[in-house]
Amino acid sequence: MTIAYITCKDEKEAVKISKHLLEKKLIACSNIHPIRSLYNWKGKVQDEKEFVIMAKTTEEMFEKVKEEVEKVHSYDIPCILKIDAEANDSYGKWVNAQVQK
């Protein structure tokens, strides 16, 4: 199982991206959390409120997830991270059944 970790400017964008990925059957599930992000951008330290998507998918679908997120994301350089995960058998089977083959 793979978790796609994607930061977004606000909750509305996180929901939009999650629904887009779900409709394309690239992810099985999405959790959205508010976060505080600190980072360097254009020579200044930024301190921003963002929302993060933790989307459950398969390793095989991760490249397609990245491609779709890059198409619809508002950031010039979106954060799209791949996190390898191990799930209980029943949940892993459910995730595999939800994503397109």
Protein backbone atom coordinates (compact mmCIF):
# COMPACT_ATOMS: atom_id res chain seq x y z
CA MET A 1 0.00 0.00 0.00
CA THR A 2 1.10 3.56 -0.67
CA ILE A 3 0.01 6.78 0.97
CA ALA A 4 0.18 9.90 -1.16
CA TYR A 5 0.88 12.89 1.11
CA ILE A 6 -0.23 16.10 -0.62
CA THR A 7 -0.27 19.60 0.87
CA CYS A 8 -2.90 22.14 -0.25
CA LYS A 9 -3.54 25.86 0.27
CA ASP A 10 -6.92 25.28 1.90
CA GLU A 11 -9.58 22.71 2.68
CA LYS A 12 -11.56 23.49 -0.48
CA GLU A 13 -8.59 22.59 -2.67
CA ALA A 14 -7.88 19.43 -0.66
CA VAL A 15 -11.48 18.27 -1.12
CA LYS A 16 -11.40 19.12 -4.84
CA ILE A 17 -8.20 17.14 -5.41
CA SER A 18 -9.43 14.21 -3.31
CA LYS A 19 -12.71 13.99 -5.22
CA HIS A 20 -10.83 14.23 -8.53
CA LEU A 21 -8.60 11.29 -7.57
CA LEU A 22 -11.54 9.26 -6.24
CA GLU A 23 -13.59 9.82 -9.41
CA LYS A 24 -10.65 8.60 -11.50
CA LYS A 25 -10.35 5.55 -9.21
CA LEU A 26 -6.70 6.35 -8.47
CA ILE A 27 -7.19 6.31 -4.70
CA ALA A 28 -9.43 4.35 -2.36
CA CYS A 29 -9.73 6.87 0.45
CA SER A 30 -8.59 10.33 1.46
CA ASN A 31 -8.09 11.86 4.90
CA ILE A 32 -7.77 15.65 5.12
CA HIS A 33 -6.07 17.34 8.07
CA PRO A 34 -5.28 20.98 8.92
CA ILE A 35 -1.55 21.58 9.36
CA ARG A 36 0.90 24.42 9.97
CA SER A 37 3.78 24.52 7.47
CA LEU A 38 7.04 26.41 7.77
CA TYR A 39 9.28 26.56 4.70
CA ASN A 40 11.62 28.74 2.68
CA TRP A 41 10.08 30.39 -0.38
CA LYS A 42 11.70 33.11 -2.50
CA GLY A 43 14.26 33.94 0.18
CA LYS A 44 11.83 34.20 3.09
CA VAL A 45 10.65 31.81 5.78
CA GLN A 46 6.93 31.23 5.36
CA ASP A 47 4.59 30.23 8.19
CA GLU A 48 1.29 29.12 6.68
CA LYS A 49 -1.85 27.19 7.49
CA GLU A 50 -2.41 24.43 4.95
CA PHE A 51 -4.36 21.21 4.61
CA VAL A 52 -2.77 17.85 3.93
CA ILE A 53 -4.32 14.97 2.02
CA MET A 54 -3.32 11.47 3.02
CA ALA A 55 -4.63 9.38 0.14
CA LYS A 56 -4.50 5.58 0.18
CA THR A 57 -3.57 3.97 -3.11
CA THR A 58 -1.41 1.23 -4.54
CA GLU A 59 2.25 1.52 -5.46
CA GLU A 60 1.30 0.96 -9.11
CA MET A 61 -1.09 3.95 -9.12
CA PHE A 62 1.24 6.46 -7.46
CA GLU A 63 2.69 7.83 -10.73
CA LYS A 64 -0.82 8.45 -12.08
CA VAL A 65 -1.79 10.12 -8.78
CA LYS A 66 1.20 12.48 -9.14
CA GLU A 67 0.30 13.30 -12.75
CA GLU A 68 -3.32 14.11 -11.89
CA VAL A 69 -2.44 16.19 -8.84
CA GLU A 70 0.06 18.24 -10.86
CA LYS A 71 -2.69 18.95 -13.45
CA VAL A 72 -5.16 20.40 -10.93
CA HIS A 73 -3.04 21.74 -8.04
CA SER A 74 -2.74 25.51 -7.54
CA TYR A 75 0.90 25.49 -6.33
CA ASP A 76 3.83 26.09 -8.68
CA ILE A 77 5.65 23.26 -6.89
CA PRO A 78 3.13 20.97 -5.16
CA CYS A 79 4.33 18.61 -2.42
CA ILE A 80 3.40 15.07 -3.46
CA LEU A 81 5.16 12.46 -1.35
CA LYS A 82 5.04 8.68 -1.55
CA ILE A 83 4.92 6.89 1.80
CA ASP A 84 5.11 3.11 1.77
CA ALA A 85 2.72 1.55 4.27
CA GLU A 86 1.63 -1.86 5.44
CA ALA A 87 -2.05 -2.46 6.17
CA ASN A 88 -4.09 -5.18 7.78
CA ASP A 89 -5.19 -7.75 5.18
CA SER A 90 -8.85 -6.77 4.94
CA TYR A 91 -8.10 -3.06 4.52
CA GLY A 92 -5.35 -3.73 1.98
CA LYS A 93 -7.72 -5.88 -0.07
CA TRP A 94 -10.35 -3.15 0.06
CA VAL A 95 -7.87 -0.51 -1.16
CA ASN A 96 -6.75 -2.79 -4.00
CA ALA A 97 -10.37 -3.36 -5.02
CA GLN A 98 -11.12 0.39 -5.13
CA VAL A 99 -8.35 1.58 -7.46
CA GLN A 100 -8.41 0.98 -11.20
CA LYS A 101 -6.24 -1.78 -12.55
